[in-house]
Structures are given as structure tokens and as C-alpha cells.
């Protein structure tokens, strides 16, 4: 079993890993707090919550199985080398559990607070249904041959795909309104910090084992960080460079939301790490 060759590197890796966990986790609370203060979820995008629920649950399945299952770890080392470290750390599992719990609490708020007329779009329902149907088919395929590593890679692919989709509507709305008024840039700064810390942890692990398989052996973690950092930079550019200080006198009406892609327009800030 692979182990750390340097105690200082192990400590540094843990610091970066838990820093990423802290930044990504804290970024999920502003929307929950806002819902509680307003006693309303009007303005929170239900499509975002639906897509993010499947994304985070898929990520939890991948992280938890790879971290706790000896059979999957054995298959991973057979594929990438017996000396390779498992590319999922305790902070990855902790983050996934925390994210799923926070989303469950958000659904509780949606159930008890004022919801207005907002509905989940058929497109979002179709995307989520297709994702879980695909996962179910892959379970049937993997079961006879015990191809568990391949199976959890499917869940990893699902979470990467949904993570990519969920960012697009907010960026589009900012562009259409020519303003980031009402959108919390603090969430984005936390998310960017978490992405940088995540890459730093993966780099330290690669230096320790003298191989970059830690990156291409966990392509889901790599891609999700790339996607997050890319959209964080887009939002930061919109907020500080393209539309600095611009206010919107009138937010888009709910009736116009059907013309938005996938996720409906929002009147209040939403967290991308719910």
C-alpha cells in the first residue's frame, strides 16, 4: 500500500486539503442563511438545486466508495500501479457528506417557506432522470464482472457534467443584465480559493509519489476543479471588470424566466455550493 515518503509533505497535503474543504463548505451557507432570514425561497433557483443535488450525491458515491472500499482500491492500483496513492482524501469525503446534508436542508426550506410560482423545468427533470437511468444501466452492466472502478467512474462523469451545466445560467443572467447586483461575489472568492487549494494538495501528493497519475487517475476531481476555477474567473471578471458597481433598477420578472437556459433567473444571490 502506498504511503507518504515525507512527513512534511503529508502535513502540507492535509493543510491544503482541509483548506479546500473549508472554503468550499463555507460557500454553501449564504443562501441557506438568506432563506432563513426572509422565510422565503423565492429567488432561489429550484433547477439549480435539482441539478446540484444529483451532482453532489454522485460525487459522494464516488468519493466514499473509492475511499472506503478495499475492492475498488485494489482495482485502482491494478490499473495505475501498486505504489500509487488513492486520489481521494478524507477531506473529499467530508466535503461530499457536508454538501449532501446542506442540500437536504435546502429542500426542507423549500418545503416550508414561501415558494412563489417557481417550478422545476422539464429540461432539468429530463437531465436528472437521464443521469440516474444511465447510472442504473451501468450498475447492471458492472455487476457480473465486478467492474466497480469503472462503475464509480460513471458517477464521477455524471457529477462533472452537472457541475458544468449548473454554472452557465448565472453567468448568462449577469451578461443579460449587464450587472452582478444581487449576486454574492464572496461565494465565488471562497470557491476559487478552494479550487486553488485542491490543486495544491494534488500537486503535493504527486511530488510525494513521483508521478502525475494522481491527476489523470482522478479525472473527475481534476475536471470539476478546472470548471469551477474557469467560471469563478468569469464571475470575478463580470463583477470587478465588466460591470463594476452597476445596479439594476428592476430585476427580471418570473414570467420571463422560461427564456433562460436550464435554470431560471433569480432575484437574489444563490450559492453554487449548496
Protein backbone atom coordinates (compact mmCIF):
# COMPACT_ATOMS: atom_id res chain seq x y z
CA UNK A 1 0.00 0.00 0.00
CA UNK A 2 1.33 3.44 -0.92
CA UNK A 3 2.40 5.69 1.91
CA UNK A 4 3.88 9.13 2.44
CA UNK A 5 7.63 9.36 1.82
CA UNK A 6 7.88 12.65 3.68
CA UNK A 7 6.10 13.72 6.86
CA UNK A 8 6.31 17.45 5.96
CA UNK A 9 4.67 16.74 2.59
CA UNK A 10 1.92 14.77 4.31
CA UNK A 11 1.25 17.67 6.67
CA UNK A 12 1.23 20.20 3.83
CA UNK A 13 -1.17 18.00 1.86
CA UNK A 14 -3.54 17.79 4.81
CA UNK A 15 -3.43 21.58 5.26
CA UNK A 16 -4.27 22.21 1.61
CA UNK A 17 -6.96 19.53 1.62
CA UNK A 18 -8.79 20.81 4.66
CA UNK A 19 -8.39 24.40 3.44
CA UNK A 20 -10.22 23.41 0.26
CA UNK A 21 -12.89 21.67 2.36
CA UNK A 22 -13.36 24.81 4.50
CA UNK A 23 -13.58 27.20 1.54
CA UNK A 24 -15.98 25.04 -0.47
CA UNK A 25 -18.15 24.28 2.56
CA UNK A 26 -18.45 27.87 3.80
CA UNK A 27 -19.54 28.92 0.32
CA UNK A 28 -22.73 26.90 0.73
CA UNK A 29 -24.18 28.84 3.66
CA UNK A 30 -25.13 32.33 2.37
CA UNK A 31 -28.22 31.08 0.50
CA UNK A 32 -29.39 28.98 3.45
CA UNK A 33 -29.00 31.98 5.78
CA UNK A 34 -30.80 34.25 3.32
CA UNK A 35 -33.71 31.79 3.07
CA UNK A 36 -33.98 31.70 6.86
CA UNK A 37 -33.93 35.47 7.25
CA UNK A 38 -36.56 36.02 4.54
CA UNK A 39 -38.63 32.93 5.41
CA UNK A 40 -38.88 32.53 1.66
CA UNK A 41 -37.13 30.67 -1.16
CA UNK A 42 -38.49 32.95 -3.86
CA UNK A 43 -35.48 33.78 -5.98
CA UNK A 44 -33.62 30.56 -5.19
CA UNK A 45 -33.38 28.62 -8.40
CA UNK A 46 -35.09 25.24 -7.96
CA UNK A 47 -33.49 23.90 -11.13
CA UNK A 48 -30.07 24.68 -9.69
CA UNK A 49 -30.97 22.77 -6.52
CA UNK A 50 -32.21 19.78 -8.55
CA UNK A 51 -29.09 19.60 -10.71
CA UNK A 52 -26.78 20.23 -7.79
CA UNK A 53 -28.47 17.52 -5.73
CA UNK A 54 -27.65 14.85 -8.30
CA UNK A 55 -24.18 16.30 -8.80
CA UNK A 56 -23.26 16.21 -5.12
CA UNK A 57 -24.84 12.81 -4.47
CA UNK A 58 -22.92 11.31 -7.41
CA UNK A 59 -19.71 12.86 -6.09
CA UNK A 60 -20.38 11.42 -2.63
CA UNK A 61 -20.86 7.93 -4.10
CA UNK A 62 -17.57 8.19 -5.98
CA UNK A 63 -15.55 9.58 -3.05
CA UNK A 64 -17.00 7.30 -0.37
CA UNK A 65 -16.68 4.07 -2.39
CA UNK A 66 -13.11 4.77 -3.53
CA UNK A 67 -12.04 5.85 -0.03
CA UNK A 68 -13.65 3.01 1.96
CA UNK A 69 -13.80 0.03 -0.42
CA UNK A 70 -10.71 -2.26 -0.45
CA UNK A 71 -12.01 -3.95 -3.62
CA UNK A 72 -12.19 -0.67 -5.54
CA UNK A 73 -8.82 0.43 -4.19
CA UNK A 74 -7.33 -2.86 -5.39
CA UNK A 75 -8.76 -2.33 -8.86
CA UNK A 76 -7.40 1.22 -8.88
CA UNK A 77 -3.87 0.04 -8.05
CA UNK A 78 -4.09 -2.77 -10.59
CA UNK A 79 -4.84 -0.16 -13.22
CA UNK A 80 -2.46 2.62 -12.18
CA UNK A 81 0.24 0.84 -10.16
CA UNK A 82 0.53 -0.75 -6.71
CA UNK A 83 2.56 2.16 -5.34
CA UNK A 84 0.02 4.81 -6.28
CA UNK A 85 -1.93 6.62 -3.58
CA UNK A 86 -5.71 6.61 -3.70
CA UNK A 87 -6.65 10.04 -5.14
CA UNK A 88 -9.45 10.63 -2.63
CA UNK A 89 -8.62 12.05 0.79
CA UNK A 90 -10.68 12.22 3.97
CA UNK A 91 -11.46 15.90 3.29
CA UNK A 92 -13.03 14.91 -0.06
CA UNK A 93 -15.41 12.51 1.68
CA UNK A 94 -16.16 15.05 4.41
CA UNK A 95 -16.93 17.73 1.84
CA UNK A 96 -19.30 15.45 -0.07
CA UNK A 97 -21.19 14.43 3.06
CA UNK A 98 -21.47 18.06 4.17
CA UNK A 99 -22.70 19.16 0.74
CA UNK A 100 -25.43 16.48 0.59
CA UNK A 101 -26.62 17.34 4.11
CA UNK A 102 -26.74 21.05 3.24
CA UNK A 103 -28.74 20.34 0.09
CA UNK A 104 -31.18 18.21 2.10
CA UNK A 105 -31.67 21.15 4.47
CA UNK A 106 -32.25 23.44 1.50
CA UNK A 107 -35.01 21.12 0.27
CA UNK A 108 -36.52 21.32 3.75
CA UNK A 109 -36.54 25.11 3.44
CA UNK A 110 -38.17 24.86 0.03
CA UNK A 111 -40.89 22.68 1.56
CA UNK A 112 -41.72 25.03 4.47
CA UNK A 113 -41.02 28.53 3.15
CA UNK A 114 -42.81 30.68 0.60
CA UNK A 115 -42.02 29.39 -2.89
CA UNK A 116 -43.87 31.77 -5.17
CA UNK A 117 -44.70 30.40 -8.63
CA UNK A 118 -41.31 28.93 -9.44
CA UNK A 119 -41.22 25.37 -10.79
CA UNK A 120 -38.57 22.88 -11.81
CA UNK A 121 -38.23 22.86 -15.60
CA UNK A 122 -38.89 19.77 -17.69
CA UNK A 123 -35.37 20.08 -19.10
CA UNK A 124 -33.81 19.79 -15.64
CA UNK A 125 -36.06 16.85 -14.76
CA UNK A 126 -35.08 15.18 -18.02
CA UNK A 127 -31.35 15.70 -17.40
CA UNK A 128 -31.50 14.31 -13.88
CA UNK A 129 -33.68 11.36 -14.95
CA UNK A 130 -31.27 10.52 -17.77
CA UNK A 131 -28.33 10.66 -15.36
CA UNK A 132 -29.86 8.23 -12.86
CA UNK A 133 -31.16 5.94 -15.60
CA UNK A 134 -27.68 5.77 -17.09
CA UNK A 135 -26.23 5.01 -13.65
CA UNK A 136 -28.75 2.21 -13.14
CA UNK A 137 -27.90 0.64 -16.50
CA UNK A 138 -24.18 0.83 -15.66
CA UNK A 139 -24.81 -0.95 -12.34
CA UNK A 140 -26.44 -3.82 -14.25
CA UNK A 141 -23.50 -3.95 -16.66
CA UNK A 142 -20.83 -3.80 -13.96
CA UNK A 143 -22.40 -6.31 -11.57
CA UNK A 144 -21.46 -9.61 -13.34
CA UNK A 145 -17.80 -8.68 -13.82
CA UNK A 146 -17.45 -6.66 -10.59
CA UNK A 147 -16.12 -3.68 -12.55
CA UNK A 148 -16.55 -1.37 -9.59
CA UNK A 149 -13.82 1.10 -10.52
CA UNK A 150 -15.44 1.63 -13.91
CA UNK A 151 -18.84 1.99 -12.25
CA UNK A 152 -17.80 4.73 -9.85
CA UNK A 153 -16.07 6.50 -12.74
CA UNK A 154 -19.56 6.76 -14.28
CA UNK A 155 -20.79 8.61 -11.18
CA UNK A 156 -17.70 10.81 -11.43
CA UNK A 157 -18.59 11.64 -15.03
CA UNK A 158 -22.16 12.49 -14.04
CA UNK A 159 -21.06 14.91 -11.35
CA UNK A 160 -18.59 16.62 -13.68
CA UNK A 161 -21.23 17.07 -16.38
CA UNK A 162 -23.81 18.51 -13.98
CA UNK A 163 -21.25 20.76 -12.32
CA UNK A 164 -20.52 22.25 -15.73
CA UNK A 165 -24.18 22.85 -16.54
CA UNK A 166 -25.14 24.47 -13.25
CA UNK A 167 -22.79 27.45 -13.65
CA UNK A 168 -23.96 28.60 -17.08
CA UNK A 169 -27.31 30.29 -16.22
CA UNK A 170 -25.86 32.65 -13.58
CA UNK A 171 -23.13 33.82 -15.96
CA UNK A 172 -25.75 34.30 -18.69
CA UNK A 173 -28.02 36.27 -16.37
CA UNK A 174 -25.18 38.58 -15.34
CA UNK A 175 -24.40 39.17 -19.01
CA UNK A 176 -28.02 39.86 -19.92
CA UNK A 177 -28.49 42.28 -17.02
CA UNK A 178 -25.01 43.79 -17.51
CA UNK A 179 -24.65 43.66 -13.73
CA UNK A 180 -23.78 41.35 -10.86
CA UNK A 181 -26.02 43.27 -8.47
CA UNK A 182 -27.67 40.78 -6.11
CA UNK A 183 -25.09 38.04 -6.73
CA UNK A 184 -22.67 37.28 -3.89
CA UNK A 185 -19.08 37.56 -5.10
CA UNK A 186 -17.98 36.32 -1.66
CA UNK A 187 -19.20 32.82 -2.54
CA UNK A 188 -17.11 32.92 -5.71
CA UNK A 189 -13.96 34.03 -3.90
CA UNK A 190 -14.34 31.15 -1.44
CA UNK A 191 -14.93 28.73 -4.30
CA UNK A 192 -11.84 29.93 -6.18
CA UNK A 193 -9.72 29.64 -3.04
CA UNK A 194 -10.98 26.09 -2.57
CA UNK A 195 -10.11 25.19 -6.16
CA UNK A 196 -6.57 26.53 -5.81
CA UNK A 197 -6.06 24.67 -2.51
CA UNK A 198 -7.38 21.48 -4.12
CA UNK A 199 -4.85 21.70 -6.95
CA UNK A 200 -2.11 22.41 -4.44
CA UNK A 201 -2.99 19.25 -2.49
CA UNK A 202 -2.98 17.12 -5.65
CA UNK A 203 0.40 18.60 -6.63
CA UNK A 204 1.91 17.80 -3.22
CA UNK A 205 0.63 14.22 -3.46
CA UNK A 206 2.14 13.89 -6.95
CA UNK A 207 5.51 15.19 -5.75
CA UNK A 208 5.46 12.69 -2.88
CA UNK A 209 4.89 9.69 -5.14
CA UNK A 210 6.96 10.96 -8.07
CA UNK A 211 4.11 10.56 -10.53
CA UNK A 212 1.30 12.67 -12.00
CA UNK A 213 -1.12 9.77 -12.09
CA UNK A 214 -2.87 11.49 -9.18
CA UNK A 215 -4.23 13.94 -11.75
CA UNK A 216 -5.22 11.69 -14.65
CA UNK A 217 -6.17 8.84 -12.28
CA UNK A 218 -8.91 11.04 -10.78
CA UNK A 219 -10.03 12.90 -13.86
CA UNK A 220 -13.34 13.86 -12.25
CA UNK A 221 -11.70 15.78 -9.43
CA UNK A 222 -9.38 17.44 -11.92
CA UNK A 223 -12.14 18.47 -14.32
CA UNK A 224 -14.52 19.71 -11.65
CA UNK A 225 -11.80 21.96 -10.26
CA UNK A 226 -11.00 23.26 -13.76
CA UNK A 227 -14.65 24.02 -14.43
CA UNK A 228 -15.10 25.73 -11.06
CA UNK A 229 -11.98 27.87 -11.45
CA UNK A 230 -12.97 28.85 -15.01
CA UNK A 231 -16.45 30.05 -14.03
CA UNK A 232 -15.12 31.70 -10.87
CA UNK A 233 -12.81 33.78 -13.07
CA UNK A 234 -15.75 34.60 -15.35
CA UNK A 235 -17.83 35.81 -12.39
CA UNK A 236 -14.90 37.79 -10.95
CA UNK A 237 -14.33 39.44 -14.33
CA UNK A 238 -18.01 40.32 -14.58
CA UNK A 239 -18.12 41.74 -11.06
CA UNK A 240 -14.88 43.73 -10.99
CA UNK A 241 -14.07 44.45 -14.66
CA UNK A 242 -17.14 44.29 -16.92
CA UNK A 243 -19.93 45.57 -14.70
CA UNK A 244 -18.31 47.16 -11.62
CA UNK A 245 -20.76 48.99 -9.40
CA UNK A 246 -23.63 48.73 -11.87
CA UNK A 247 -27.04 48.43 -10.26
CA UNK A 248 -30.19 47.05 -11.79
CA UNK A 249 -33.30 49.04 -11.05
CA UNK A 250 -35.65 46.23 -11.97
CA UNK A 251 -34.85 42.54 -11.83
CA UNK A 252 -36.18 40.17 -14.48
CA UNK A 253 -39.75 39.09 -13.92
CA UNK A 254 -40.57 35.50 -13.12
CA UNK A 255 -42.65 35.38 -16.26
CA UNK A 256 -39.52 35.89 -18.36
CA UNK A 257 -37.63 33.02 -16.81
CA UNK A 258 -38.77 30.48 -19.37
CA UNK A 259 -36.42 32.08 -21.87
CA UNK A 260 -33.40 31.36 -19.66
CA UNK A 261 -31.40 28.15 -20.34
CA UNK A 262 -31.98 25.30 -17.87
CA UNK A 263 -32.05 27.43 -14.71
CA UNK A 264 -34.47 30.26 -14.19
CA UNK A 265 -33.44 33.83 -13.42
CA UNK A 266 -33.02 34.74 -9.78
CA UNK A 267 -33.57 37.96 -7.90
CA UNK A 268 -31.31 37.11 -5.00
CA UNK A 269 -27.83 35.64 -4.59
CA UNK A 270 -27.54 31.88 -4.79
CA UNK A 271 -24.71 29.65 -3.64
CA UNK A 272 -23.09 27.45 -6.22
CA UNK A 273 -22.01 25.01 -3.50
CA UNK A 274 -25.33 24.36 -1.89
